[in-house]
PDB file of N, CA and C in Angstrom:
ATOM      1  N   UNK A   1     -20.495 -15.771   2.027  1.00  0.00           N
ATOM      2  CA  UNK A   1     -19.525 -14.829   1.881  1.00  0.00           C
ATOM      3  C   UNK A   1     -20.045 -14.051   0.576  1.00  0.00           C
ATOM      4  N   UNK A   2     -19.913 -12.451   1.094  1.00  0.00           N
ATOM      5  CA  UNK A   2     -20.432 -11.861   0.014  1.00  0.00           C
ATOM      6  C   UNK A   2     -19.184 -11.232  -0.356  1.00  0.00           C
ATOM      7  N   UNK A   3     -19.297 -11.496  -2.190  1.00  0.00           N
ATOM      8  CA  UNK A   3     -18.100 -10.871  -2.867  1.00  0.00           C
ATOM      9  C   UNK A   3     -18.582  -9.292  -4.038  1.00  0.00           C
ATOM     10  N   UNK A   4     -17.922  -8.459  -3.241  1.00  0.00           N
ATOM     11  CA  UNK A   4     -17.615  -6.896  -4.370  1.00  0.00           C
ATOM     12  C   UNK A   4     -17.461  -6.737  -4.974  1.00  0.00           C
ATOM     13  N   UNK A   5     -17.120  -6.295  -6.237  1.00  0.00           N
ATOM     14  CA  UNK A   5     -16.193  -5.501  -7.045  1.00  0.00           C
ATOM     15  C   UNK A   5     -16.207  -4.301  -6.841  1.00  0.00           C
ATOM     16  N   UNK A   6     -15.103  -3.322  -6.514  1.00  0.00           N
ATOM     17  CA  UNK A   6     -15.022  -2.087  -6.290  1.00  0.00           C
ATOM     18  C   UNK A   6     -13.769  -1.870  -7.444  1.00  0.00           C
ATOM     19  N   UNK A   7     -13.297  -0.543  -7.744  1.00  0.00           N
ATOM     20  CA  UNK A   7     -12.391   0.393  -8.645  1.00  0.00           C
ATOM     21  C   UNK A   7     -11.529   0.822  -7.129  1.00  0.00           C
ATOM     22  N   UNK A   8     -10.484   1.237  -7.829  1.00  0.00           N
ATOM     23  CA  UNK A   8      -9.628   2.658  -7.073  1.00  0.00           C
ATOM     24  C   UNK A   8     -10.350   3.429  -7.355  1.00  0.00           C
ATOM     25  N   UNK A   9     -10.923   4.111  -5.546  1.00  0.00           N
ATOM     26  CA  UNK A   9     -11.524   5.411  -5.174  1.00  0.00           C
ATOM     27  C   UNK A   9     -13.050   4.820  -4.871  1.00  0.00           C
ATOM     28  N   UNK A  10     -13.334   3.812  -5.274  1.00  0.00           N
ATOM     29  CA  UNK A  10     -14.523   3.426  -4.625  1.00  0.00           C
ATOM     30  C   UNK A  10     -14.900   2.526  -3.169  1.00  0.00           C
ATOM     31  N   UNK A  11     -15.806   2.794  -2.217  1.00  0.00           N
ATOM     32  CA  UNK A  11     -16.019   2.641  -1.347  1.00  0.00           C
ATOM     33  C   UNK A  11     -17.202   1.486  -0.997  1.00  0.00           C
ATOM     34  N   UNK A  12     -17.181   0.859  -0.072  1.00  0.00           N
ATOM     35  CA  UNK A  12     -18.366   0.278   0.466  1.00  0.00           C
ATOM     36  C   UNK A  12     -18.398   0.469   2.282  1.00  0.00           C
ATOM     37  N   UNK A  13     -19.286   0.601   2.795  1.00  0.00           N
ATOM     38  CA  UNK A  13     -20.117   0.478   3.794  1.00  0.00           C
ATOM     39  C   UNK A  13     -20.245  -0.532   4.790  1.00  0.00           C
ATOM     40  N   UNK A  14     -19.723  -0.619   5.573  1.00  0.00           N
ATOM     41  CA  UNK A  14     -20.615  -1.623   6.658  1.00  0.00           C
ATOM     42  C   UNK A  14     -20.998  -1.081   8.110  1.00  0.00           C
ATOM     43  N   UNK A  15     -22.417  -1.387   8.070  1.00  0.00           N
ATOM     44  CA  UNK A  15     -22.982  -1.074   9.281  1.00  0.00           C
ATOM     45  C   UNK A  15     -23.253   0.285   9.546  1.00  0.00           C
ATOM     46  N   UNK A  16     -23.309   1.063   9.024  1.00  0.00           N
ATOM     47  CA  UNK A  16     -23.230   3.026   8.788  1.00  0.00           C
ATOM     48  C   UNK A  16     -21.941   3.537   9.437  1.00  0.00           C
ATOM     49  N   UNK A  17     -20.976   2.549  10.264  1.00  0.00           N
ATOM     50  CA  UNK A  17     -19.937   3.057  10.942  1.00  0.00           C
ATOM     51  C   UNK A  17     -18.879   2.913   9.943  1.00  0.00           C
ATOM     52  N   UNK A  18     -18.515   1.363   9.530  1.00  0.00           N
ATOM     53  CA  UNK A  18     -17.400   1.217   8.758  1.00  0.00           C
ATOM     54  C   UNK A  18     -17.257   1.398   7.596  1.00  0.00           C
ATOM     55  N   UNK A  19     -16.139   2.742   7.030  1.00  0.00           N
ATOM     56  CA  UNK A  19     -16.081   2.585   5.312  1.00  0.00           C
ATOM     57  C   UNK A  19     -14.674   1.787   4.972  1.00  0.00           C
ATOM     58  N   UNK A  20     -14.891   1.310   3.791  1.00  0.00           N
ATOM     59  CA  UNK A  20     -13.707   0.433   3.346  1.00  0.00           C
ATOM     60  C   UNK A  20     -13.261   1.413   1.735  1.00  0.00           C
ATOM     61  N   UNK A  21     -12.211   1.654   1.541  1.00  0.00           N
ATOM     62  CA  UNK A  21     -11.898   2.360   0.283  1.00  0.00           C
ATOM     63  C   UNK A  21     -10.467   1.771  -0.337  1.00  0.00           C
ATOM     64  N   UNK A  22     -11.132   1.435  -1.837  1.00  0.00           N
ATOM     65  CA  UNK A  22     -10.077   0.822  -2.198  1.00  0.00           C
ATOM     66  C   UNK A  22      -9.183   2.066  -2.508  1.00  0.00           C
ATOM     67  N   UNK A  23      -8.011   2.035  -2.580  1.00  0.00           N
ATOM     68  CA  UNK A  23      -6.646   3.007  -2.217  1.00  0.00           C
ATOM     69  C   UNK A  23      -5.984   2.979  -3.745  1.00  0.00           C
ATOM     70  N   UNK A  24      -5.453   1.653  -3.848  1.00  0.00           N
ATOM     71  CA  UNK A  24      -4.565   1.427  -5.089  1.00  0.00           C
ATOM     72  C   UNK A  24      -4.599   0.144  -5.305  1.00  0.00           C
ATOM     73  N   UNK A  25      -4.599  -0.576  -6.765  1.00  0.00           N
ATOM     74  CA  UNK A  25      -4.329  -1.619  -6.827  1.00  0.00           C
ATOM     75  C   UNK A  25      -3.264  -2.053  -7.977  1.00  0.00           C
ATOM     76  N   UNK A  26      -2.377  -3.201  -7.433  1.00  0.00           N
ATOM     77  CA  UNK A  26      -0.949  -3.111  -8.206  1.00  0.00           C
ATOM     78  C   UNK A  26      -0.937  -4.450  -8.552  1.00  0.00           C
ATOM     79  N   UNK A  27      -1.131  -5.513  -9.821  1.00  0.00           N
ATOM     80  CA  UNK A  27      -0.806  -6.475  -9.675  1.00  0.00           C
ATOM     81  C   UNK A  27      -1.740  -7.389  -9.066  1.00  0.00           C
ATOM     82  N   UNK A  28      -1.606  -8.351  -7.907  1.00  0.00           N
ATOM     83  CA  UNK A  28      -2.705  -8.924  -7.559  1.00  0.00           C
ATOM     84  C   UNK A  28      -2.589  -8.621  -6.115  1.00  0.00           C
ATOM     85  N   UNK A  29      -2.192  -6.911  -5.465  1.00  0.00           N
ATOM     86  CA  UNK A  29      -2.068  -6.586  -4.344  1.00  0.00           C
ATOM     87  C   UNK A  29      -2.858  -5.801  -4.569  1.00  0.00           C
ATOM     88  N   UNK A  30      -4.106  -5.492  -3.124  1.00  0.00           N
ATOM     89  CA  UNK A  30      -5.097  -4.450  -3.498  1.00  0.00           C
ATOM     90  C   UNK A  30      -4.662  -3.497  -2.138  1.00  0.00           C
ATOM     91  N   UNK A  31      -4.642  -2.121  -2.024  1.00  0.00           N
ATOM     92  CA  UNK A  31      -4.393  -1.683  -0.803  1.00  0.00           C
ATOM     93  C   UNK A  31      -6.089  -1.073  -0.237  1.00  0.00           C
ATOM     94  N   UNK A  32      -6.301  -1.510   0.950  1.00  0.00           N
ATOM     95  CA  UNK A  32      -7.584  -0.888   1.431  1.00  0.00           C
ATOM     96  C   UNK A  32      -7.307   0.423   2.334  1.00  0.00           C
ATOM     97  N   UNK A  33      -8.120   1.642   2.442  1.00  0.00           N
ATOM     98  CA  UNK A  33      -8.307   2.528   3.657  1.00  0.00           C
ATOM     99  C   UNK A  33      -9.556   2.023   4.140  1.00  0.00           C
ATOM    100  N   UNK A  34      -9.248   2.497   5.946  1.00  0.00           N
ATOM    101  CA  UNK A  34     -10.105   2.175   6.577  1.00  0.00           C
ATOM    102  C   UNK A  34     -10.871   3.469   7.603  1.00  0.00           C
ATOM    103  N   UNK A  35     -12.110   3.677   7.831  1.00  0.00           N
ATOM    104  CA  UNK A  35     -12.421   4.434   8.771  1.00  0.00           C
ATOM    105  C   UNK A  35     -13.659   3.906   9.157  1.00  0.00           C
ATOM    106  N   UNK A  36     -13.338   3.978  10.702  1.00  0.00           N
ATOM    107  CA  UNK A  36     -14.005   3.278  11.743  1.00  0.00           C
ATOM    108  C   UNK A  36     -13.964   3.618  12.753  1.00  0.00           C
ATOM    109  N   UNK A  37     -14.855   3.366  13.573  1.00  0.00           N
ATOM    110  CA  UNK A  37     -14.558   4.359  15.170  1.00  0.00           C
ATOM    111  C   UNK A  37     -13.687   3.700  16.121  1.00  0.00           C
ATOM    112  N   UNK A  38     -13.068   4.560  17.058  1.00  0.00           N
ATOM    113  CA  UNK A  38     -11.674   3.811  17.739  1.00  0.00           C
ATOM    114  C   UNK A  38     -12.131   2.521  18.608  1.00  0.00           C
ATOM    115  N   UNK A  39     -13.353   2.553  18.654  1.00  0.00           N
ATOM    116  CA  UNK A  39     -13.587   1.240  19.480  1.00  0.00           C
ATOM    117  C   UNK A  39     -13.221  -0.092  18.660  1.00  0.00           C
ATOM    118  N   UNK A  40     -13.524   0.165  17.212  1.00  0.00           N
ATOM    119  CA  UNK A  40     -13.536  -1.025  16.247  1.00  0.00           C
ATOM    120  C   UNK A  40     -12.134  -1.056  15.940  1.00  0.00           C
ATOM    121  N   UNK A  41     -11.409  -2.352  16.455  1.00  0.00           N
ATOM    122  CA  UNK A  41     -10.460  -2.845  16.389  1.00  0.00           C
ATOM    123  C   UNK A  41     -10.169  -3.639  14.826  1.00  0.00           C
ATOM    124  N   UNK A  42      -9.108  -2.849  13.734  1.00  0.00           N
ATOM    125  CA  UNK A  42      -9.199  -3.753  12.738  1.00  0.00           C
ATOM    126  C   UNK A  42      -7.470  -3.827  12.661  1.00  0.00           C
ATOM    127  N   UNK A  43      -7.399  -5.871  12.025  1.00  0.00           N
ATOM    128  CA  UNK A  43      -6.431  -6.611  12.222  1.00  0.00           C
ATOM    129  C   UNK A  43      -6.507  -7.166  10.813  1.00  0.00           C
ATOM    130  N   UNK A  44      -5.215  -7.532  10.372  1.00  0.00           N
ATOM    131  CA  UNK A  44      -5.171  -8.361   9.023  1.00  0.00           C
ATOM    132  C   UNK A  44      -5.262  -9.910   9.725  1.00  0.00           C
ATOM    133  N   UNK A  45      -5.740 -10.326   8.788  1.00  0.00           N
ATOM    134  CA  UNK A  45      -6.618 -12.098   9.318  1.00  0.00           C
ATOM    135  C   UNK A  45      -5.364 -12.717   9.912  1.00  0.00           C
ATOM    136  N   UNK A  46      -4.021 -12.990   9.654  1.00  0.00           N
ATOM    137  CA  UNK A  46      -2.930 -13.444  10.638  1.00  0.00           C
ATOM    138  C   UNK A  46      -2.664 -13.208  11.748  1.00  0.00           C
ATOM    139  N   UNK A  47      -2.577 -11.839  11.949  1.00  0.00           N
ATOM    140  CA  UNK A  47      -2.848 -10.949  13.282  1.00  0.00           C
ATOM    141  C   UNK A  47      -3.417 -11.308  14.278  1.00  0.00           C
ATOM    142  N   UNK A  48      -5.189 -11.473  13.834  1.00  0.00           N
ATOM    143  CA  UNK A  48      -6.093 -11.956  14.682  1.00  0.00           C
ATOM    144  C   UNK A  48      -6.080 -13.265  14.749  1.00  0.00           C
ATOM    145  N   UNK A  49      -5.654 -13.907  13.754  1.00  0.00           N
ATOM    146  CA  UNK A  49      -5.911 -15.332  14.636  1.00  0.00           C
ATOM    147  C   UNK A  49      -4.337 -15.401  15.287  1.00  0.00           C
ATOM    148  N   UNK A  50      -3.482 -15.079  15.079  1.00  0.00           N
ATOM    149  CA  UNK A  50      -2.340 -15.314  15.921  1.00  0.00           C
ATOM    150  C   UNK A  50      -2.942 -14.735  17.797  1.00  0.00           C
ATOM    151  N   UNK A  51      -3.815 -13.398  17.705  1.00  0.00           N
ATOM    152  CA  UNK A  51      -3.885 -12.817  18.625  1.00  0.00           C
ATOM    153  C   UNK A  51      -4.822 -14.376  19.660  1.00  0.00           C
ATOM    154  N   UNK A  52      -5.632 -14.306  18.727  1.00  0.00           N
ATOM    155  CA  UNK A  52      -6.781 -15.328  19.409  1.00  0.00           C
ATOM    156  C   UNK A  52      -6.164 -16.755  20.178  1.00  0.00           C
ATOM    157  N   UNK A  53      -4.980 -17.133  19.198  1.00  0.00           N
ATOM    158  CA  UNK A  53      -4.357 -18.442  19.962  1.00  0.00           C
ATOM    159  C   UNK A  53      -3.786 -18.437  20.841  1.00  0.00           C
ATOM    160  N   UNK A  54      -3.180 -16.775  21.332  1.00  0.00           N
ATOM    161  CA  UNK A  54      -2.198 -16.490  22.199  1.00  0.00           C
ATOM    162  C   UNK A  54      -3.468 -16.315  23.281  1.00  0.00           C
ATOM    163  N   UNK A  55      -4.441 -15.745  23.508  1.00  0.00           N
ATOM    164  CA  UNK A  55      -5.580 -15.621  23.989  1.00  0.00           C
ATOM    165  C   UNK A  55      -5.543 -17.182  24.754  1.00  0.00           C
ATOM    166  N   UNK A  56      -5.907 -17.588  23.633  1.00  0.00           N
ATOM    167  CA  UNK A  56      -6.630 -19.313  24.075  1.00  0.00           C
ATOM    168  C   UNK A  56      -5.154 -20.222  24.966  1.00  0.00           C
ATOM    169  N   UNK A  57      -4.191 -19.772  24.769  1.00  0.00           N
ATOM    170  CA  UNK A  57      -2.970 -20.206  24.958  1.00  0.00           C
ATOM    171  C   UNK A  57      -3.022 -19.752  26.521  1.00  0.00           C
ATOM    172  N   UNK A  58      -3.200 -18.729  26.782  1.00  0.00           N
ATOM    173  CA  UNK A  58      -3.213 -17.858  28.198  1.00  0.00           C
ATOM    174  C   UNK A  58      -4.087 -18.399  28.971  1.00  0.00           C
ATOM    175  N   UNK A  59      -5.423 -18.600  28.740  1.00  0.00           N
ATOM    176  CA  UNK A  59      -6.235 -19.080  29.044  1.00  0.00           C
ATOM    177  C   UNK A  59      -6.163 -20.481  30.129  1.00  0.00           C
ATOM    178  N   UNK A  60      -5.621 -21.193  28.975  1.00  0.00           N
ATOM    179  CA  UNK A  60      -4.924 -22.738  29.416  1.00  0.00           C
ATOM    180  C   UNK A  60      -4.094 -22.874  30.472  1.00  0.00           C
ATOM    181  N   UNK A  61      -3.320 -21.578  30.366  1.00  0.00           N
ATOM    182  CA  UNK A  61      -2.208 -21.837  31.192  1.00  0.00           C
ATOM    183  C   UNK A  61      -2.656 -21.461  32.722  1.00  0.00           C
ATOM    184  N   UNK A  62      -3.651 -20.055  32.573  1.00  0.00           N
ATOM    185  CA  UNK A  62      -4.237 -19.601  34.092  1.00  0.00           C
ATOM    186  C   UNK A  62      -4.922 -21.015  34.487  1.00  0.00           C
ATOM    187  N   UNK A  63      -5.724 -21.700  33.799  1.00  0.00           N
ATOM    188  CA  UNK A  63      -6.629 -22.644  34.652  1.00  0.00           C
ATOM    189  C   UNK A  63      -5.612 -24.293  35.146  1.00  0.00           C
ATOM    190  N   UNK A  64      -4.505 -23.964  34.155  1.00  0.00           N
ATOM    191  CA  UNK A  64      -3.501 -24.682  34.697  1.00  0.00           C
ATOM    192  C   UNK A  64      -2.531 -24.594  36.327  1.00  0.00           C
ATOM    193  N   UNK A  65      -2.409 -23.083  36.284  1.00  0.00           N
ATOM    194  CA  UNK A  65      -1.671 -22.367  37.231  1.00  0.00           C
ATOM    195  C   UNK A  65      -2.898 -22.633  38.131  1.00  0.00           C
ATOM    196  N   UNK A  66      -4.358 -22.239  38.112  1.00  0.00           N
ATOM    197  CA  UNK A  66      -5.297 -22.465  39.352  1.00  0.00           C
ATOM    198  C   UNK A  66      -5.063 -23.760  40.005  1.00  0.00           C
ATOM    199  N   UNK A  67      -5.370 -24.751  39.164  1.00  0.00           N
ATOM    200  CA  UNK A  67      -5.206 -26.186  39.521  1.00  0.00           C
ATOM    201  C   UNK A  67      -4.252 -26.472  40.370  1.00  0.00           C
ATOM    202  N   UNK A  68      -3.221 -26.207  39.589  1.00  0.00           N
ATOM    203  CA  UNK A  68      -1.888 -26.035  40.697  1.00  0.00           C
ATOM    204  C   UNK A  68      -1.825 -25.794  42.249  1.00  0.00           C
ATOM    205  N   UNK A  69      -2.173 -24.199  41.991  1.00  0.00           N
ATOM    206  CA  UNK A  69      -2.720 -23.791  43.080  1.00  0.00           C
ATOM    207  C   UNK A  69      -3.271 -24.383  44.128  1.00  0.00           C
ATOM    208  N   UNK A  70      -4.494 -24.919  43.717  1.00  0.00           N
ATOM    209  CA  UNK A  70      -5.760 -25.508  44.390  1.00  0.00           C
ATOM    210  C   UNK A  70      -5.332 -26.669  45.223  1.00  0.00           C
ATOM    211  N   UNK A  71      -3.911 -27.384  44.231  1.00  0.00           N
ATOM    212  CA  UNK A  71      -3.038 -28.218  44.736  1.00  0.00           C
ATOM    213  C   UNK A  71      -2.431 -28.369  46.201  1.00  0.00           C
ATOM    214  N   UNK A  72      -1.589 -27.142  46.099  1.00  0.00           N
ATOM    215  CA  UNK A  72      -0.237 -26.481  46.705  1.00  0.00           C
ATOM    216  C   UNK A  72      -1.680 -26.211  48.576  1.00  0.00           C
ATOM    217  N   UNK A  73      -2.823 -25.849  48.019  1.00  0.00           N
ATOM    218  CA  UNK A  73      -3.590 -25.203  49.437  1.00  0.00           C
ATOM    219  C   UNK A  73      -4.423 -26.427  49.925  1.00  0.00           C
ATOM    220  N   UNK A  74      -4.154 -27.370  49.074  1.00  0.00           N
ATOM    221  CA  UNK A  74      -4.792 -28.566  49.659  1.00  0.00           C
ATOM    222  C   UNK A  74      -4.186 -29.842  50.347  1.00  0.00           C
ATOM    223  N   UNK A  75      -2.398 -29.349  49.998  1.00  0.00           N
ATOM    224  CA  UNK A  75      -1.440 -29.891  50.739  1.00  0.00           C
ATOM    225  C   UNK A  75      -1.490 -29.568  52.210  1.00  0.00           C
ATOM    226  N   UNK A  76      -1.044 -27.893  52.149  1.00  0.00           N
ATOM    227  CA  UNK A  76      -1.083 -27.385  53.165  1.00  0.00           C
ATOM    228  C   UNK A  76      -1.992 -27.373  54.176  1.00  0.00           C
ATOM    229  N   UNK A  77      -2.970 -27.839  53.991  1.00  0.00           N
ATOM    230  CA  UNK A  77      -4.532 -28.083  54.868  1.00  0.00           C
ATOM    231  C   UNK A  77      -3.887 -29.516  55.354  1.00  0.00           C
ATOM    232  N   UNK A  78      -3.444 -30.227  54.576  1.00  0.00           N
ATOM    233  CA  UNK A  78      -3.285 -31.487  55.118  1.00  0.00           C
ATOM    234  C   UNK A  78      -2.227 -31.964  56.391  1.00  0.00           C
TER     235      UNK A  78
END
């Protein structure tokens, strides 16, 4: 992990396309601003983790449904 110190109004640039600016600092809370191409999605970590969990769950459900469908088609052939 790279750790950087930035003050209010200062920025960092990632990959030449993404700019992150410190908007404000109040106590232990930091407000950040992001400038990025529309093709780049930006999520809070907890939201990103939730999306990944739901995506994995939907894949598992789809595999189970395919397995159930395969069993049904085999029964209809018998």
